[in-house]
Amino acid sequence: MEEKEIGYISNYFSKLSVAVVEITSGTLSVGDTLRIKGHTTDFELKVSSMQIEHEMVTEAKKGDGIGLKVSEKVRKGDKVYRVIED
């Protein structure tokens, strides 16, 4: 499987388990698989829903900041990769 860097974590709300992902390249859609990797972070998750400014969206593009529910703790600066399935 190939991975393409699409952004980074700019904020994390631990009580809600929500990460803010800044999209720096490409697009992200509901149903995509992400890998979040950092100094102490390394896990995959499937995007089940995402929000921009508290509005549900199905796709995000370069320049967007999205809210994303995550299953594990993430940290500011962690890299976000989209997993490209063969």
N, C-alpha and C. Protein backbone atom coordinates (compact mmCIF):
# COMPACT_ATOMS: atom_id res chain seq x y z
N MET A 1 0.84 -1.19 0.00
CA MET A 1 0.00 0.00 0.00
C MET A 1 0.88 1.25 0.00
N GLU A 2 0.42 2.22 -0.75
CA GLU A 2 1.15 3.47 -0.86
C GLU A 2 0.50 4.50 0.06
N GLU A 3 1.30 5.44 0.56
CA GLU A 3 0.77 6.51 1.40
C GLU A 3 1.18 7.85 0.81
N LYS A 4 0.24 8.81 0.85
CA LYS A 4 0.53 10.14 0.32
C LYS A 4 0.23 11.15 1.42
N GLU A 5 1.21 11.98 1.74
CA GLU A 5 1.00 12.98 2.79
C GLU A 5 -0.01 14.01 2.30
N ILE A 6 -1.05 14.22 3.11
CA ILE A 6 -2.07 15.20 2.70
C ILE A 6 -2.21 16.36 3.68
N GLY A 7 -1.60 16.25 4.87
CA GLY A 7 -1.73 17.34 5.82
C GLY A 7 -1.09 17.04 7.15
N TYR A 8 -1.49 17.82 8.16
CA TYR A 8 -0.94 17.67 9.50
C TYR A 8 -2.00 18.04 10.54
N ILE A 9 -1.76 17.61 11.77
CA ILE A 9 -2.65 17.92 12.89
C ILE A 9 -2.31 19.32 13.40
N SER A 10 -3.29 20.22 13.39
CA SER A 10 -3.04 21.57 13.90
C SER A 10 -3.61 21.78 15.29
N ASN A 11 -4.52 20.89 15.71
CA ASN A 11 -5.09 21.01 17.05
C ASN A 11 -5.72 19.68 17.43
N TYR A 12 -5.89 19.45 18.74
CA TYR A 12 -6.51 18.22 19.21
C TYR A 12 -7.32 18.52 20.46
N PHE A 13 -8.56 18.06 20.47
CA PHE A 13 -9.45 18.26 21.61
C PHE A 13 -9.65 16.90 22.28
N SER A 14 -8.92 16.67 23.37
CA SER A 14 -8.89 15.35 23.99
C SER A 14 -10.23 14.93 24.57
N LYS A 15 -11.02 15.85 25.12
CA LYS A 15 -12.31 15.47 25.71
C LYS A 15 -13.28 14.97 24.64
N LEU A 16 -13.16 15.50 23.42
CA LEU A 16 -14.04 15.09 22.33
C LEU A 16 -13.41 14.03 21.43
N SER A 17 -12.10 13.79 21.59
CA SER A 17 -11.33 12.92 20.68
C SER A 17 -11.47 13.39 19.24
N VAL A 18 -11.32 14.69 19.05
CA VAL A 18 -11.42 15.30 17.73
C VAL A 18 -10.10 15.99 17.39
N ALA A 19 -9.61 15.68 16.19
CA ALA A 19 -8.39 16.31 15.69
C ALA A 19 -8.76 17.31 14.60
N VAL A 20 -8.02 18.41 14.54
CA VAL A 20 -8.17 19.36 13.45
C VAL A 20 -7.03 19.08 12.47
N VAL A 21 -7.40 18.73 11.23
CA VAL A 21 -6.42 18.39 10.20
C VAL A 21 -6.40 19.51 9.16
N GLU A 22 -5.22 20.08 8.94
CA GLU A 22 -5.04 21.07 7.88
C GLU A 22 -4.63 20.31 6.63
N ILE A 23 -5.43 20.41 5.58
CA ILE A 23 -5.15 19.72 4.32
C ILE A 23 -4.16 20.58 3.52
N THR A 24 -2.96 20.04 3.24
CA THR A 24 -1.94 20.81 2.54
C THR A 24 -1.77 20.36 1.09
N SER A 25 -2.31 19.18 0.74
CA SER A 25 -2.25 18.74 -0.66
C SER A 25 -3.30 17.67 -0.90
N GLY A 26 -3.80 17.61 -2.12
CA GLY A 26 -4.77 16.59 -2.49
C GLY A 26 -6.14 16.82 -1.90
N THR A 27 -6.92 15.74 -1.86
CA THR A 27 -8.28 15.78 -1.32
C THR A 27 -8.47 14.62 -0.35
N LEU A 28 -9.51 14.73 0.44
CA LEU A 28 -9.85 13.69 1.41
C LEU A 28 -11.36 13.51 1.36
N SER A 29 -11.80 12.26 1.30
CA SER A 29 -13.24 11.96 1.23
C SER A 29 -13.63 11.02 2.35
N VAL A 30 -14.91 11.06 2.71
CA VAL A 30 -15.44 10.08 3.67
C VAL A 30 -15.25 8.70 3.06
N GLY A 31 -14.75 7.77 3.86
CA GLY A 31 -14.48 6.42 3.38
C GLY A 31 -13.00 6.16 3.14
N ASP A 32 -12.20 7.24 3.03
CA ASP A 32 -10.75 7.08 2.85
C ASP A 32 -10.12 6.54 4.13
N THR A 33 -8.99 5.89 3.98
CA THR A 33 -8.23 5.41 5.13
C THR A 33 -7.05 6.35 5.34
N LEU A 34 -6.86 6.78 6.59
CA LEU A 34 -5.77 7.68 6.93
C LEU A 34 -4.77 6.97 7.84
N ARG A 35 -3.53 7.42 7.77
CA ARG A 35 -2.52 7.01 8.73
C ARG A 35 -2.00 8.28 9.36
N ILE A 36 -2.04 8.32 10.67
CA ILE A 36 -1.54 9.48 11.40
C ILE A 36 -0.25 9.06 12.08
N LYS A 37 0.81 9.79 11.78
CA LYS A 37 2.13 9.38 12.25
C LYS A 37 2.86 10.58 12.84
N GLY A 38 3.45 10.37 14.00
CA GLY A 38 4.21 11.42 14.67
C GLY A 38 5.27 10.79 15.56
N HIS A 39 5.83 11.60 16.45
CA HIS A 39 6.90 11.15 17.33
C HIS A 39 6.48 9.94 18.17
N THR A 40 5.27 9.98 18.71
CA THR A 40 4.77 8.85 19.52
C THR A 40 3.44 8.33 19.00
N THR A 41 3.05 8.75 17.81
CA THR A 41 1.76 8.40 17.22
C THR A 41 1.98 7.58 15.96
N ASP A 42 1.21 6.51 15.78
CA ASP A 42 1.26 5.76 14.52
C ASP A 42 0.07 4.81 14.48
N PHE A 43 -1.01 5.22 13.80
CA PHE A 43 -2.18 4.37 13.68
C PHE A 43 -2.95 4.73 12.43
N GLU A 44 -3.83 3.81 12.01
CA GLU A 44 -4.69 4.03 10.85
C GLU A 44 -6.12 4.16 11.30
N LEU A 45 -6.91 4.91 10.54
CA LEU A 45 -8.34 4.99 10.81
C LEU A 45 -9.07 5.27 9.51
N LYS A 46 -10.31 4.82 9.47
CA LYS A 46 -11.17 5.07 8.30
C LYS A 46 -12.00 6.31 8.60
N VAL A 47 -12.08 7.22 7.64
CA VAL A 47 -12.84 8.46 7.81
C VAL A 47 -14.32 8.14 7.71
N SER A 48 -15.04 8.25 8.84
CA SER A 48 -16.47 7.97 8.82
C SER A 48 -17.28 9.26 8.67
N SER A 49 -16.72 10.37 9.16
CA SER A 49 -17.37 11.67 8.98
C SER A 49 -16.34 12.75 9.26
N MET A 50 -16.59 13.92 8.70
CA MET A 50 -15.72 15.06 8.96
C MET A 50 -16.53 16.34 8.86
N GLN A 51 -16.01 17.39 9.50
CA GLN A 51 -16.72 18.66 9.53
C GLN A 51 -15.79 19.81 9.17
N ILE A 52 -16.35 20.81 8.52
CA ILE A 52 -15.67 22.08 8.30
C ILE A 52 -16.58 23.14 8.91
N GLU A 53 -16.05 23.88 9.90
CA GLU A 53 -16.84 24.91 10.59
C GLU A 53 -18.17 24.35 11.11
N HIS A 54 -18.14 23.17 11.73
CA HIS A 54 -19.30 22.50 12.34
C HIS A 54 -20.35 22.05 11.33
N GLU A 55 -20.03 22.06 10.04
CA GLU A 55 -20.93 21.56 9.00
C GLU A 55 -20.39 20.24 8.48
N MET A 56 -21.24 19.21 8.41
CA MET A 56 -20.81 17.92 7.87
C MET A 56 -20.48 18.06 6.39
N VAL A 57 -19.34 17.49 5.99
CA VAL A 57 -18.94 17.50 4.58
C VAL A 57 -18.52 16.10 4.18
N THR A 58 -18.54 15.82 2.88
CA THR A 58 -18.11 14.50 2.40
C THR A 58 -16.74 14.56 1.75
N GLU A 59 -16.26 15.79 1.45
CA GLU A 59 -14.95 15.91 0.83
C GLU A 59 -14.27 17.20 1.30
N ALA A 60 -12.95 17.14 1.44
CA ALA A 60 -12.16 18.32 1.79
C ALA A 60 -11.01 18.42 0.81
N LYS A 61 -10.57 19.66 0.55
CA LYS A 61 -9.49 19.88 -0.42
C LYS A 61 -8.38 20.71 0.21
N LYS A 62 -7.30 20.88 -0.54
CA LYS A 62 -6.17 21.67 -0.08
C LYS A 62 -6.64 23.03 0.43
N GLY A 63 -6.15 23.40 1.61
CA GLY A 63 -6.53 24.68 2.21
C GLY A 63 -7.61 24.57 3.26
N ASP A 64 -8.31 23.44 3.29
CA ASP A 64 -9.38 23.25 4.27
C ASP A 64 -8.81 22.80 5.62
N GLY A 65 -9.48 23.18 6.68
CA GLY A 65 -9.18 22.68 8.03
C GLY A 65 -10.40 21.88 8.47
N ILE A 66 -10.22 20.59 8.70
CA ILE A 66 -11.38 19.74 9.01
C ILE A 66 -11.31 19.20 10.43
N GLY A 67 -12.46 18.98 11.02
CA GLY A 67 -12.57 18.30 12.29
C GLY A 67 -12.82 16.83 12.03
N LEU A 68 -12.05 15.98 12.71
CA LEU A 68 -12.09 14.55 12.45
C LEU A 68 -12.07 13.78 13.76
N LYS A 69 -13.02 12.88 13.96
CA LYS A 69 -13.05 12.04 15.16
C LYS A 69 -11.92 11.02 15.05
N VAL A 70 -11.10 10.90 16.08
CA VAL A 70 -9.97 9.97 16.06
C VAL A 70 -10.09 8.97 17.21
N SER A 71 -9.51 7.79 17.00
CA SER A 71 -9.62 6.71 17.98
C SER A 71 -8.51 6.72 19.01
N GLU A 72 -7.42 7.44 18.73
CA GLU A 72 -6.29 7.52 19.64
C GLU A 72 -5.85 8.97 19.78
N LYS A 73 -5.04 9.23 20.81
CA LYS A 73 -4.53 10.58 21.02
C LYS A 73 -3.57 10.96 19.91
N VAL A 74 -3.70 12.19 19.42
CA VAL A 74 -2.78 12.72 18.42
C VAL A 74 -2.17 14.00 18.98
N ARG A 75 -1.12 14.46 18.35
CA ARG A 75 -0.44 15.66 18.81
C ARG A 75 -0.28 16.66 17.68
N LYS A 76 -0.20 17.94 18.03
CA LYS A 76 0.02 18.98 17.03
C LYS A 76 1.30 18.65 16.27
N GLY A 77 1.23 18.78 14.96
CA GLY A 77 2.41 18.53 14.13
C GLY A 77 2.48 17.12 13.57
N ASP A 78 1.66 16.18 14.10
CA ASP A 78 1.65 14.83 13.53
C ASP A 78 1.27 14.91 12.06
N LYS A 79 1.92 14.10 11.24
CA LYS A 79 1.64 14.08 9.80
C LYS A 79 0.44 13.18 9.53
N VAL A 80 -0.35 13.57 8.52
CA VAL A 80 -1.53 12.80 8.12
C VAL A 80 -1.31 12.33 6.68
N TYR A 81 -1.43 11.01 6.49
CA TYR A 81 -1.24 10.40 5.18
C TYR A 81 -2.54 9.72 4.75
N ARG A 82 -2.84 9.78 3.45
CA ARG A 82 -3.97 9.01 2.91
C ARG A 82 -3.40 7.72 2.39
N VAL A 83 -3.98 6.60 2.81
CA VAL A 83 -3.53 5.28 2.36
C VAL A 83 -4.19 4.99 1.02
N ILE A 84 -3.36 4.71 0.02
CA ILE A 84 -3.87 4.40 -1.32
C ILE A 84 -3.81 2.90 -1.50
N GLU A 85 -5.00 2.29 -1.56
CA GLU A 85 -5.08 0.83 -1.69
C GLU A 85 -4.83 0.43 -3.13
N ASP A 86 -4.15 -0.68 -3.29
CA ASP A 86 -3.84 -1.18 -4.65
C ASP A 86 -5.07 -1.74 -5.33
